[in-house]
Amino acid sequence: MNYFILAAVFIVYFILVVYVGYYAWKRTKSTEDFLVAGRSTHPYIMALSYGATFISTAAIVGFGGVAATYGMGILWLAFLNILVGMFIAFVFFGKRTRRMGVKFNSMTFPEFLGRRFDSKFIQYFSGALIFCAMPIYASVVLIGAARFMESSLLINFNIALLILAVIVCAYVFFGGIKGVMYTDALQGTIMFIGMVFLLVFVYWTLGGVTEAHSALTALAPHYPASLAADGGTGWTSFPTFNSTMWWSLVSTMMLGVGVGALAQPQLAVRFMTVDSDKELNRSLLIGALFIGVITGSAYIVGSLSNVFFFNNFGQVAIDYVGGNIDSIIPTFISLALPEWFVYVFLLSLLAAAMSTLSAQFHTQGSALGHDLYEAIKSRKVKRTMENGFKSDNDEEINKSSVPVTKIGILIGVILALVLGLVLPGGIVALGTSLFMGLCAAAFLPVFVAALFWKRTTKPGAIAGILSGTIVSLFLLVFIYKKTAVGLGICQFLLGKSMLIPTMPWCSMDVMCVAVPISAIVTVVVSLLTKPMDKKFIDYAFEGINDNKD
């Protein structure tokens, strides 16, 4: 290990991060700056921040490892990331979210839903759910980066977790979302360059695009028997329909992440950080290119790593690393690439982890400080359509919530660290999918209704969020095999590992059931209850469909 090169790379990187964080801190003057970047973010920064928040070590390490196991079929997720996570999100959701967010003076996703439906309960409940569930996602992102540091730098895994958490906590704590987004842009640029080089190098090492894919196809006879028993058919063909692996790939990986991204609080709030639709339009192309390159490269490299491991060690990837899919990409990078690139890629991986972690910690902190503490403290403040949902003492209340928000950030860091130490191996991709699926079940139908359906009522929105959350948690604890068996609650209470051990129910992702139920409940309850005040609805949707900014 060349410590001189390593030190030089990291010194330059941390100088840049510190400078950008300091610059953001100097420009953070108000609560609005801390929570929504003053609503004046540059399109490039917004695009890279959105993309870098979306794509983390979970995509590179976790889903790269999944690609090494499941094969090229996971490239459909990259397609969904671009189509749903970027195009649909920006074109159909982003503009309406930004306009309504400004109209209701919303600075967080729970506050947006709460004010749209004139419900403090929605803001409280949504904030509490995010605060409690976000550490799971944050912990798997920490694990992904720490595993790479462990395998490439020979740093103790626990120490690596601590180093990452402390660094990210520092600039989120002081710089708020400006610190998050500015450093995201820097780290996203590093990620993009690193992943492009990685993809090109892997194809060059394996003899070219055609040769590499032909070699991967030829490895089909060596496909692990345990994976074949679950429905796997090879690395260049899709799993058998209705098999365990098919449901895992399609429902959990593709739908859970591809569609679940639409209801991610840390992503939705970024639409509120720009001051016009033009900035969103400019951000779209940059963000789509970024996400397409990062995810596509990770999934292709993950699949092709099998060729490298078999040619050099006589084993496919999952067998060589002893079954821990989270170790495949770090091990491959350490063995296959030049030493200097290991350090550069580590930088890319750290950038991916830190950009996503910073957004997660900021979202978790704002859920506690803004959506719980501040919302409770200001419950008697009257906000009206005439004053734009602002009151005279809004800024005083907002300032008092910032310290609580920072406490929430610290709590989020500690919880993520603890979970990172206790969660099992191979959890990165699954943890990401489950969190996104839970958010989709709880928020997606109501979020869609908030933006597009005027007839939605407060009771309908509350019922939709509650039903989606309750159904998701029930399925995770009692039905979905990967979590029900792992948690052991069903076994403890009922004496069996899961209630329905038959296909496809035990392998179907919870959002496939919970999202439709939440949508049906939202619609039915809304139709059975009194419509919201017409003046309020007219105010909410005024100008929402305008083509001009």
Protein backbone atom coordinates (compact mmCIF):
# COMPACT_ATOMS: atom_id res chain seq x y z
CA MET A 1 0.00 0.00 0.00
CA ASN A 2 1.41 3.36 -1.06
CA TYR A 3 0.61 5.59 1.87
CA PHE A 4 2.03 8.66 0.14
CA ILE A 5 -0.51 8.43 -2.72
CA LEU A 6 -3.28 7.58 -0.28
CA ALA A 7 -2.46 10.53 1.95
CA ALA A 8 -2.19 12.92 -0.98
CA VAL A 9 -5.56 11.88 -2.43
CA PHE A 10 -7.36 12.19 0.88
CA ILE A 11 -5.73 15.43 1.95
CA VAL A 12 -6.85 17.11 -1.28
CA TYR A 13 -10.32 15.61 -0.96
CA PHE A 14 -10.87 16.67 2.64
CA ILE A 15 -9.53 20.16 1.95
CA LEU A 16 -12.14 20.50 -0.78
CA VAL A 17 -14.93 19.11 1.42
CA VAL A 18 -13.99 21.38 4.32
CA TYR A 19 -13.83 24.42 2.04
CA VAL A 20 -17.21 23.67 0.43
CA GLY A 21 -18.75 22.98 3.84
CA TYR A 22 -17.33 26.25 5.20
CA TYR A 23 -18.60 28.15 2.15
CA ALA A 24 -22.09 26.70 2.72
CA TRP A 25 -21.95 27.54 6.43
CA LYS A 26 -21.11 31.19 5.64
CA ARG A 27 -24.10 31.36 3.30
CA THR A 28 -26.54 29.80 5.79
CA LYS A 29 -28.20 32.76 7.49
CA SER A 30 -31.76 31.63 8.18
CA THR A 31 -33.90 28.59 8.88
CA GLU A 32 -35.01 28.64 5.25
CA ASP A 33 -31.34 28.45 4.23
CA PHE A 34 -30.79 25.55 6.66
CA LEU A 35 -33.82 23.55 5.48
CA VAL A 36 -34.39 24.41 1.78
CA ALA A 37 -31.20 26.28 0.77
CA GLY A 38 -33.03 29.59 0.49
CA ARG A 39 -34.98 28.18 -2.51
CA SER A 40 -32.26 29.48 -4.87
CA THR A 41 -30.07 26.50 -5.71
CA HIS A 42 -28.15 26.38 -9.02
CA PRO A 43 -29.43 23.69 -11.45
CA TYR A 44 -26.08 21.87 -11.54
CA ILE A 45 -25.92 21.72 -7.75
CA MET A 46 -29.56 20.62 -7.54
CA ALA A 47 -29.06 17.87 -10.16
CA LEU A 48 -25.88 16.50 -8.62
CA SER A 49 -27.32 16.73 -5.12
CA TYR A 50 -30.48 14.88 -6.17
CA GLY A 51 -28.47 12.24 -8.00
CA ALA A 52 -25.82 11.82 -5.32
CA THR A 53 -28.52 11.54 -2.65
CA PHE A 54 -30.37 8.98 -4.76
CA ILE A 55 -27.23 6.97 -5.59
CA SER A 56 -25.11 5.87 -2.66
CA THR A 57 -22.84 3.03 -1.66
CA ALA A 58 -26.05 1.00 -1.65
CA ALA A 59 -26.17 1.31 -5.45
CA ILE A 60 -22.46 0.80 -6.01
CA VAL A 61 -21.60 -1.78 -3.34
CA GLY A 62 -24.97 -3.29 -2.44
CA PHE A 63 -26.64 -3.43 -5.84
CA GLY A 64 -23.32 -4.05 -7.57
CA GLY A 65 -23.10 -7.16 -5.39
CA VAL A 66 -26.69 -8.03 -6.30
CA ALA A 67 -25.75 -7.74 -9.99
CA ALA A 68 -22.86 -10.14 -9.40
CA THR A 69 -25.38 -12.62 -8.01
CA TYR A 70 -28.54 -11.98 -10.07
CA GLY A 71 -26.87 -10.90 -13.31
CA MET A 72 -27.60 -8.31 -15.98
CA GLY A 73 -31.35 -8.40 -15.39
CA ILE A 74 -30.88 -5.72 -12.75
CA LEU A 75 -30.08 -3.24 -15.54
CA TRP A 76 -33.85 -2.78 -15.75
CA LEU A 77 -33.50 -0.98 -12.43
CA ALA A 78 -31.11 1.52 -14.05
CA PHE A 79 -33.80 2.13 -16.69
CA LEU A 80 -36.42 2.68 -13.97
CA ASN A 81 -34.02 4.97 -12.08
CA ILE A 82 -33.89 7.24 -15.14
CA LEU A 83 -37.52 6.93 -16.28
CA VAL A 84 -39.23 7.08 -12.88
CA GLY A 85 -36.60 8.46 -10.51
CA MET A 86 -35.64 11.32 -12.83
CA PHE A 87 -38.02 11.96 -15.75
CA ILE A 88 -41.37 11.29 -14.06
CA ALA A 89 -40.13 12.71 -10.76
CA PHE A 90 -38.96 16.00 -12.27
CA VAL A 91 -41.53 16.53 -15.02
CA PHE A 92 -44.72 15.42 -13.24
CA PHE A 93 -43.89 15.65 -9.53
CA GLY A 94 -41.11 18.21 -9.23
CA LYS A 95 -42.80 21.28 -10.66
CA ARG A 96 -46.03 20.79 -8.74
CA THR A 97 -44.13 20.06 -5.53
CA ARG A 98 -42.03 23.20 -5.93
CA ARG A 99 -45.03 25.43 -6.66
CA MET A 100 -47.19 24.04 -3.86
CA GLY A 101 -44.21 24.07 -1.51
CA VAL A 102 -43.73 27.79 -2.08
CA LYS A 103 -47.46 28.46 -1.81
CA PHE A 104 -47.71 26.65 1.55
CA ASN A 105 -44.30 27.88 2.76
CA SER A 106 -43.28 24.24 3.28
CA MET A 107 -39.69 23.42 4.17
CA THR A 108 -39.90 19.63 4.64
CA PHE A 109 -41.79 16.79 2.99
CA PRO A 110 -44.00 16.06 6.06
CA GLU A 111 -44.81 19.76 6.36
CA PHE A 112 -45.75 19.82 2.67
CA LEU A 113 -48.25 16.96 3.13
CA GLY A 114 -49.51 18.39 6.42
CA ARG A 115 -50.23 21.84 5.02
CA ARG A 116 -51.66 20.54 1.76
CA PHE A 117 -54.29 18.60 3.75
CA ASP A 118 -54.49 21.11 6.62
CA SER A 119 -53.49 18.38 9.07
CA LYS A 120 -51.00 18.66 11.90
CA PHE A 121 -51.37 14.93 12.49
CA ILE A 122 -50.03 14.13 9.02
CA GLN A 123 -46.97 16.27 9.70
CA TYR A 124 -46.41 14.74 13.15
CA PHE A 125 -46.90 11.15 12.01
CA SER A 126 -44.86 11.51 8.81
CA GLY A 127 -42.02 13.20 10.69
CA ALA A 128 -42.02 10.49 13.36
CA LEU A 129 -42.05 7.70 10.75
CA ILE A 130 -39.13 9.23 8.88
CA PHE A 131 -37.18 9.82 12.09
CA CYS A 132 -37.66 6.20 13.19
CA ALA A 133 -37.14 4.48 9.80
CA MET A 134 -34.33 6.56 8.29
CA PRO A 135 -31.56 5.07 10.51
CA ILE A 136 -32.04 1.71 8.78
CA TYR A 137 -31.24 3.25 5.39
CA ALA A 138 -28.40 5.35 6.81
CA SER A 139 -26.82 2.34 8.48
CA VAL A 140 -26.66 0.28 5.28
CA VAL A 141 -25.03 3.19 3.46
CA LEU A 142 -22.44 3.38 6.24
CA ILE A 143 -21.88 -0.36 6.02
CA GLY A 144 -21.26 -0.22 2.26
CA ALA A 145 -18.50 2.36 2.52
CA ALA A 146 -16.98 0.86 5.66
CA ARG A 147 -16.74 -2.57 4.00
CA PHE A 148 -14.70 -1.08 1.19
CA MET A 149 -12.41 0.73 3.62
CA GLU A 150 -12.01 -2.54 5.49
CA SER A 151 -11.02 -4.58 2.44
CA SER A 152 -8.92 -2.01 0.58
CA LEU A 153 -7.27 -0.03 3.39
CA LEU A 154 -7.26 -2.79 6.02
CA ILE A 155 -9.02 -0.47 8.47
CA ASN A 156 -11.08 -2.07 11.21
CA PHE A 157 -14.74 -2.08 10.15
CA ASN A 158 -15.98 -0.45 13.37
CA ILE A 159 -13.38 2.32 13.13
CA ALA A 160 -14.31 2.94 9.50
CA LEU A 161 -17.97 3.35 10.50
CA LEU A 162 -17.03 5.89 13.14
CA ILE A 163 -14.76 7.93 10.82
CA LEU A 164 -17.45 8.21 8.15
CA ALA A 165 -20.19 9.16 10.59
CA VAL A 166 -18.14 11.88 12.30
CA ILE A 167 -17.07 13.55 9.05
CA VAL A 168 -20.58 13.65 7.58
CA CYS A 169 -22.13 14.78 10.84
CA ALA A 170 -19.77 17.76 11.03
CA TYR A 171 -20.78 19.53 7.82
CA VAL A 172 -24.48 18.63 8.03
CA PHE A 173 -24.59 19.87 11.63
CA PHE A 174 -23.21 23.30 10.75
CA GLY A 175 -24.12 23.88 7.11
CA GLY A 176 -27.65 22.47 6.92
CA ILE A 177 -28.96 21.56 3.50
CA LYS A 178 -26.64 24.05 1.81
CA GLY A 179 -23.69 22.19 3.26
CA VAL A 180 -25.32 18.96 2.11
CA MET A 181 -26.06 20.10 -1.44
CA TYR A 182 -22.78 21.91 -2.10
CA THR A 183 -20.72 18.94 -0.96
CA ASP A 184 -23.08 16.65 -2.89
CA ALA A 185 -22.16 18.48 -6.11
CA LEU A 186 -18.46 18.01 -5.40
CA GLN A 187 -18.86 14.38 -4.43
CA GLY A 188 -21.19 13.64 -7.35
CA THR A 189 -18.57 14.92 -9.77
CA ILE A 190 -15.97 12.61 -8.20
CA MET A 191 -18.40 9.67 -8.35
CA PHE A 192 -19.12 10.27 -12.04
CA ILE A 193 -15.47 10.38 -13.06
CA GLY A 194 -14.60 7.33 -10.95
CA MET A 195 -17.43 5.17 -12.31
CA VAL A 196 -16.75 6.06 -15.95
CA PHE A 197 -13.11 5.07 -15.50
CA LEU A 198 -14.11 1.85 -13.73
CA LEU A 199 -16.45 0.76 -16.52
CA VAL A 200 -13.91 1.49 -19.26
CA PHE A 201 -11.12 -0.25 -17.35
CA VAL A 202 -13.18 -3.39 -16.72
CA TYR A 203 -14.13 -3.76 -20.38
CA TRP A 204 -10.49 -3.18 -21.38
CA THR A 205 -9.27 -5.77 -18.86
CA LEU A 206 -11.75 -8.38 -20.11
CA GLY A 207 -10.88 -7.85 -23.77
CA GLY A 208 -13.71 -5.60 -24.91
CA VAL A 209 -17.48 -5.31 -24.65
CA THR A 210 -18.39 -8.30 -26.83
CA GLU A 211 -15.72 -10.54 -25.36
CA ALA A 212 -16.66 -9.67 -21.78
CA HIS A 213 -20.36 -10.37 -22.24
CA SER A 214 -19.70 -13.57 -24.20
CA ALA A 215 -17.45 -14.81 -21.40
CA LEU A 216 -20.16 -14.03 -18.84
CA THR A 217 -22.75 -15.96 -20.85
CA ALA A 218 -20.35 -18.90 -21.11
CA LEU A 219 -20.16 -19.06 -17.30
CA ALA A 220 -23.78 -20.26 -17.07
CA PRO A 221 -22.77 -23.90 -16.28
CA HIS A 222 -20.97 -22.59 -13.20
CA TYR A 223 -23.99 -20.72 -11.87
CA PRO A 224 -24.31 -21.61 -8.15
CA ALA A 225 -26.76 -24.42 -7.47
CA SER A 226 -28.26 -22.57 -4.51
CA LEU A 227 -29.18 -19.63 -6.75
CA ALA A 228 -30.51 -21.92 -9.47
CA ALA A 229 -32.75 -23.56 -6.86
CA ASP A 230 -34.29 -20.13 -6.20
CA GLY A 231 -35.00 -19.58 -9.89
CA GLY A 232 -31.74 -18.13 -11.21
CA THR A 233 -30.86 -19.09 -14.79
CA GLY A 234 -27.49 -17.36 -15.29
CA TRP A 235 -25.96 -13.92 -15.35
CA THR A 236 -27.21 -12.88 -18.80
CA SER A 237 -30.77 -14.23 -18.57
CA PHE A 238 -33.74 -13.36 -16.38
CA PRO A 239 -34.78 -15.57 -13.43
CA THR A 240 -37.62 -18.05 -13.89
CA PHE A 241 -41.00 -16.35 -13.70
CA ASN A 242 -42.71 -16.47 -10.28
CA SER A 243 -39.63 -17.92 -8.60
CA THR A 244 -38.16 -16.57 -5.36
CA MET A 245 -35.39 -14.82 -7.24
CA TRP A 246 -37.80 -13.37 -9.80
CA TRP A 247 -39.94 -11.77 -7.10
CA SER A 248 -36.89 -10.52 -5.26
CA LEU A 249 -35.45 -8.93 -8.39
CA VAL A 250 -38.70 -7.52 -9.78
CA SER A 251 -40.64 -6.49 -6.68
CA THR A 252 -37.97 -5.67 -4.11
CA MET A 253 -35.08 -4.42 -6.23
CA MET A 254 -36.81 -2.91 -9.25
CA LEU A 255 -40.16 -1.69 -7.93
CA GLY A 256 -38.98 -1.04 -4.38
CA VAL A 257 -36.18 1.25 -5.52
CA GLY A 258 -37.28 2.25 -9.01
CA VAL A 259 -40.80 3.33 -8.05
CA GLY A 260 -40.21 3.87 -4.33
CA ALA A 261 -37.87 6.75 -5.17
CA LEU A 262 -40.88 8.94 -5.99
CA ALA A 263 -41.85 9.16 -2.33
CA GLN A 264 -38.43 9.63 -0.75
CA PRO A 265 -38.56 12.61 1.66
CA GLN A 266 -34.87 13.47 1.17
CA LEU A 267 -35.41 13.65 -2.61
CA ALA A 268 -38.78 15.41 -2.67
CA VAL A 269 -37.48 18.28 -0.55
CA ARG A 270 -34.89 19.08 -3.24
CA PHE A 271 -37.66 20.22 -5.56
CA MET A 272 -38.31 23.00 -3.06
CA THR A 273 -34.71 24.27 -3.17
CA VAL A 274 -34.89 25.93 -6.62
CA ASP A 275 -36.67 29.17 -7.43
CA SER A 276 -38.30 28.26 -10.76
CA ASP A 277 -39.35 25.46 -13.06
CA LYS A 278 -36.58 26.44 -15.47
CA GLU A 279 -34.01 25.31 -12.93
CA LEU A 280 -35.76 21.93 -12.66
CA ASN A 281 -35.74 21.55 -16.45
CA ARG A 282 -32.03 22.32 -16.58
CA SER A 283 -31.35 19.91 -13.75
CA LEU A 284 -33.17 17.00 -15.40
CA LEU A 285 -30.69 16.21 -18.19
CA ILE A 286 -27.67 16.49 -15.88
CA GLY A 287 -29.28 14.31 -13.23
CA ALA A 288 -30.46 11.65 -15.71
CA LEU A 289 -26.98 11.36 -17.23
CA PHE A 290 -25.43 11.12 -13.77
CA ILE A 291 -27.79 8.41 -12.51
CA GLY A 292 -27.65 6.43 -15.74
CA VAL A 293 -23.85 6.31 -15.75
CA ILE A 294 -23.45 5.55 -12.03
CA THR A 295 -26.08 2.82 -11.76
CA GLY A 296 -25.42 1.29 -15.18
CA SER A 297 -21.69 1.10 -14.51
CA ALA A 298 -22.17 -0.46 -11.07
CA TYR A 299 -24.57 -3.13 -12.33
CA ILE A 300 -22.47 -4.03 -15.39
CA VAL A 301 -19.23 -4.17 -13.43
CA GLY A 302 -20.90 -6.25 -10.71
CA SER A 303 -22.08 -8.83 -13.24
CA LEU A 304 -18.76 -8.94 -15.10
CA SER A 305 -16.81 -9.40 -11.89
CA ASN A 306 -17.75 -13.08 -12.15
CA VAL A 307 -15.57 -13.40 -15.26
CA PHE A 308 -12.59 -11.89 -13.44
CA PHE A 309 -12.96 -14.10 -10.36
CA PHE A 310 -13.45 -17.26 -12.41
CA ASN A 311 -10.54 -16.57 -14.77
CA ASN A 312 -8.16 -15.79 -11.92
CA PHE A 313 -9.37 -17.93 -9.01
CA GLY A 314 -11.64 -20.57 -10.53
CA GLN A 315 -14.68 -19.36 -8.57
CA VAL A 316 -17.57 -17.06 -9.33
CA ALA A 317 -17.93 -13.88 -7.28
CA ILE A 318 -20.38 -15.01 -4.60
CA ASP A 319 -18.35 -18.15 -3.87
CA TYR A 320 -15.04 -16.31 -3.72
CA VAL A 321 -16.24 -13.85 -1.04
CA GLY A 322 -17.88 -16.53 1.07
CA GLY A 323 -21.49 -15.56 0.40
CA ASN A 324 -21.45 -11.90 1.54
CA ILE A 325 -22.63 -9.95 -1.49
CA ASP A 326 -21.62 -6.65 0.13
CA SER A 327 -17.98 -7.73 -0.17
CA ILE A 328 -18.00 -8.52 -3.90
CA ILE A 329 -17.42 -5.03 -5.33
CA PRO A 330 -14.82 -3.98 -2.69
CA THR A 331 -12.91 -7.25 -3.17
CA PHE A 332 -13.07 -6.99 -6.95
CA ILE A 333 -11.78 -3.41 -6.94
CA SER A 334 -8.94 -4.28 -4.57
CA LEU A 335 -7.80 -7.27 -6.67
CA ALA A 336 -8.50 -6.25 -10.26
CA LEU A 337 -7.56 -2.60 -10.53
CA PRO A 338 -4.29 -0.71 -10.17
CA GLU A 339 -3.42 0.34 -6.65
CA TRP A 340 -3.72 4.02 -7.42
CA PHE A 341 -7.27 3.53 -8.70
CA VAL A 342 -8.24 1.71 -5.53
CA TYR A 343 -7.61 4.97 -3.72
CA VAL A 344 -9.50 7.00 -6.33
CA PHE A 345 -12.42 4.58 -6.24
CA LEU A 346 -12.40 4.66 -2.47
CA LEU A 347 -12.77 8.40 -2.84
CA SER A 348 -15.73 7.86 -5.19
CA LEU A 349 -17.27 5.44 -2.73
CA LEU A 350 -16.76 7.79 0.19
CA ALA A 351 -18.32 10.57 -1.88
CA ALA A 352 -21.33 8.34 -2.60
CA ALA A 353 -21.71 7.41 1.05
CA MET A 354 -21.20 10.91 2.42
CA SER A 355 -23.60 12.55 -0.05
CA THR A 356 -26.42 10.15 0.77
CA LEU A 357 -25.68 10.07 4.50
CA SER A 358 -25.67 13.84 4.72
CA ALA A 359 -29.13 13.98 3.13
CA GLN A 360 -30.40 11.24 5.43
CA PHE A 361 -29.09 12.86 8.61
CA HIS A 362 -30.42 16.26 7.53
CA THR A 363 -33.85 14.77 6.76
CA GLN A 364 -33.92 12.92 10.05
CA GLY A 365 -32.88 16.01 11.99
CA SER A 366 -35.47 18.20 10.29
CA ALA A 367 -38.14 15.56 11.02
CA LEU A 368 -37.45 15.92 14.73
CA GLY A 369 -36.75 19.65 14.89
CA HIS A 370 -39.14 21.03 12.29
CA ASP A 371 -41.91 18.47 11.84
CA LEU A 372 -42.29 17.43 15.46
CA TYR A 373 -40.87 20.08 17.81
CA GLU A 374 -41.67 23.18 15.79
CA ALA A 375 -45.04 21.92 14.56
CA ILE A 376 -46.12 21.21 18.13
CA LYS A 377 -44.79 24.54 19.40
CA SER A 378 -46.60 26.49 16.67
CA ARG A 379 -49.86 24.56 16.76
CA LYS A 380 -51.78 27.61 17.93
CA VAL A 381 -50.37 29.90 15.27
CA LYS A 382 -53.02 30.80 12.70
CA ARG A 383 -51.87 30.62 9.12
CA THR A 384 -54.20 31.75 6.38
CA MET A 385 -54.32 31.83 2.62
CA GLU A 386 -54.20 35.62 2.71
CA ASN A 387 -50.77 35.78 4.37
CA GLY A 388 -49.30 32.86 2.43
CA PHE A 389 -49.31 30.46 5.37
CA LYS A 390 -46.90 32.65 7.31
CA SER A 391 -47.32 34.35 10.64
CA ASP A 392 -45.49 37.14 12.42
CA ASN A 393 -43.55 34.84 14.73
CA ASP A 394 -42.70 32.14 12.16
CA GLU A 395 -39.01 33.05 12.03
CA GLU A 396 -38.74 33.13 15.83
CA ILE A 397 -40.27 29.65 16.04
CA ASN A 398 -38.09 28.43 13.16
CA LYS A 399 -34.89 29.65 14.82
CA SER A 400 -35.79 27.89 18.04
CA SER A 401 -36.20 24.60 16.14
CA VAL A 402 -32.70 24.62 14.60
CA PRO A 403 -30.95 23.42 17.81
CA VAL A 404 -33.50 20.58 18.07
CA THR A 405 -32.87 19.77 14.41
CA LYS A 406 -29.16 19.50 15.17
CA ILE A 407 -29.91 17.21 18.11
CA GLY A 408 -31.94 15.08 15.70
CA ILE A 409 -28.92 14.92 13.38
CA LEU A 410 -26.73 13.69 16.23
CA ILE A 411 -29.32 11.08 17.24
CA GLY A 412 -29.53 9.91 13.64
CA VAL A 413 -25.75 9.48 13.46
CA ILE A 414 -25.68 7.47 16.69
CA LEU A 415 -28.56 5.21 15.64
CA ALA A 416 -26.98 4.57 12.23
CA LEU A 417 -23.69 3.67 13.91
CA VAL A 418 -25.35 1.24 16.30
CA LEU A 419 -27.33 -0.44 13.52
CA GLY A 420 -24.22 -0.59 11.35
CA LEU A 421 -22.52 -2.62 14.07
CA VAL A 422 -25.33 -5.13 14.59
CA LEU A 423 -26.89 -5.67 11.15
CA PRO A 424 -25.87 -8.88 9.32
CA GLY A 425 -23.79 -9.16 6.16
CA GLY A 426 -25.42 -8.78 2.75
CA ILE A 427 -27.92 -6.26 4.08
CA VAL A 428 -27.04 -3.17 2.02
CA ALA A 429 -29.27 -3.65 -1.04
CA LEU A 430 -32.11 -5.22 0.98
CA GLY A 431 -32.11 -2.44 3.58
CA THR A 432 -32.26 0.20 0.86
CA SER A 433 -35.12 -1.53 -0.92
CA LEU A 434 -37.13 -2.03 2.26
CA PHE A 435 -36.82 1.61 3.34
CA MET A 436 -37.84 2.89 -0.09
CA GLY A 437 -40.71 0.40 -0.19
CA LEU A 438 -41.95 1.52 3.23
CA CYS A 439 -41.87 5.18 2.15
CA ALA A 440 -43.72 4.30 -1.05
CA ALA A 441 -46.43 2.45 0.90
CA ALA A 442 -46.86 5.23 3.45
CA PHE A 443 -46.53 8.30 1.24
CA LEU A 444 -46.77 7.63 -2.51
CA PRO A 445 -50.56 7.38 -2.99
CA VAL A 446 -51.18 10.38 -0.73
CA PHE A 447 -48.35 12.36 -2.38
CA VAL A 448 -49.88 11.67 -5.81
CA ALA A 449 -53.30 12.65 -4.52
CA ALA A 450 -51.91 15.84 -2.98
CA LEU A 451 -50.51 16.93 -6.33
CA PHE A 452 -53.15 15.73 -8.77
CA TRP A 453 -56.55 15.02 -7.12
CA LYS A 454 -58.52 17.95 -5.73
CA ARG A 455 -61.19 15.69 -4.21
CA THR A 456 -58.78 14.14 -1.69
CA THR A 457 -59.87 14.90 1.88
CA LYS A 458 -57.97 15.17 5.14
CA PRO A 459 -59.49 11.91 6.51
CA GLY A 460 -58.67 10.21 3.19
CA ALA A 461 -55.04 11.30 3.34
CA ILE A 462 -54.68 10.27 6.99
CA ALA A 463 -56.30 6.89 6.30
CA GLY A 464 -54.03 6.33 3.30
CA ILE A 465 -50.83 7.05 5.21
CA LEU A 466 -51.88 4.95 8.21
CA SER A 467 -53.08 1.98 6.14
CA GLY A 468 -49.93 1.94 4.01
CA THR A 469 -47.70 2.06 7.07
CA ILE A 470 -49.62 -0.55 9.08
CA VAL A 471 -49.91 -2.99 6.17
CA SER A 472 -46.19 -2.61 5.39
CA LEU A 473 -45.12 -3.26 8.97
CA PHE A 474 -47.46 -6.24 9.27
CA LEU A 475 -46.10 -7.81 6.10
CA LEU A 476 -42.50 -7.19 7.12
CA VAL A 477 -43.02 -8.82 10.50
CA PHE A 478 -45.31 -11.73 9.60
CA ILE A 479 -45.24 -12.44 5.83
CA TYR A 480 -42.10 -11.31 3.95
CA LYS A 481 -39.58 -14.11 4.43
CA LYS A 482 -36.34 -12.12 4.49
CA THR A 483 -37.50 -9.86 7.31
CA ALA A 484 -39.98 -12.11 9.13
CA VAL A 485 -37.38 -14.83 9.64
CA GLY A 486 -34.66 -12.34 10.54
CA LEU A 487 -36.76 -10.44 13.08
CA GLY A 488 -38.14 -13.58 14.71
CA ILE A 489 -41.24 -11.81 16.05
CA CYS A 490 -43.63 -14.11 14.21
CA GLN A 491 -41.75 -17.15 15.52
CA PHE A 492 -41.89 -15.80 19.08
CA LEU A 493 -45.59 -14.93 19.00
CA LEU A 494 -47.05 -17.68 16.81
CA GLY A 495 -44.48 -20.45 16.84
CA LYS A 496 -43.70 -20.31 13.11
CA SER A 497 -41.27 -18.22 11.10
CA MET A 498 -43.95 -16.66 8.86
CA LEU A 499 -47.71 -16.81 8.45
CA ILE A 500 -47.81 -17.67 4.73
CA PRO A 501 -44.79 -19.71 3.63
CA THR A 502 -46.11 -20.28 0.10
CA MET A 503 -45.14 -18.46 -3.09
CA PRO A 504 -45.45 -15.73 -4.10
CA TRP A 505 -46.55 -14.12 -0.82
CA CYS A 506 -43.41 -14.89 1.15
CA SER A 507 -41.17 -13.39 -1.57
CA MET A 508 -43.32 -10.52 -2.85
CA ASP A 509 -42.14 -7.10 -1.71
CA VAL A 510 -44.46 -5.41 0.77
CA MET A 511 -45.06 -2.38 -1.45
CA CYS A 512 -46.78 -4.59 -4.06
CA VAL A 513 -49.57 -5.09 -1.53
CA ALA A 514 -49.32 -2.01 0.69
CA VAL A 515 -49.27 0.66 -2.04
CA PRO A 516 -52.50 -0.54 -3.74
CA ILE A 517 -54.22 -0.85 -0.35
CA SER A 518 -53.11 2.65 0.64
CA ALA A 519 -54.33 4.04 -2.70
CA ILE A 520 -57.73 2.31 -2.43
CA VAL A 521 -58.21 3.46 1.17
CA THR A 522 -57.27 7.04 0.25
CA VAL A 523 -59.80 7.13 -2.60
CA VAL A 524 -62.64 5.37 -0.76
CA VAL A 525 -62.37 7.41 2.44
CA SER A 526 -62.06 10.64 0.44
CA LEU A 527 -65.23 9.86 -1.50
CA LEU A 528 -67.09 9.01 1.71
CA THR A 529 -66.08 12.16 3.58
CA LYS A 530 -66.83 15.83 3.16
CA PRO A 531 -64.70 17.62 0.52
CA MET A 532 -62.18 20.17 1.72
CA ASP A 533 -63.07 23.85 1.60
CA LYS A 534 -63.32 24.96 -2.03
CA LYS A 535 -61.44 28.22 -1.43
CA PHE A 536 -58.60 26.26 0.15
CA ILE A 537 -58.42 23.80 -2.77
CA ASP A 538 -58.61 26.59 -5.35
CA TYR A 539 -55.77 28.34 -3.55
CA ALA A 540 -53.69 25.12 -3.43
CA PHE A 541 -54.06 24.38 -7.16
CA GLU A 542 -53.98 27.94 -8.47
CA GLY A 543 -51.27 28.18 -11.13
CA ILE A 544 -50.18 24.56 -10.66
CA ASN A 545 -50.91 23.64 -14.28
CA ASP A 546 -49.37 26.75 -15.82
CA ASN A 547 -46.77 26.04 -18.48
CA LYS A 548 -44.95 29.26 -17.78
CA ASP A 549 -42.81 29.69 -14.69
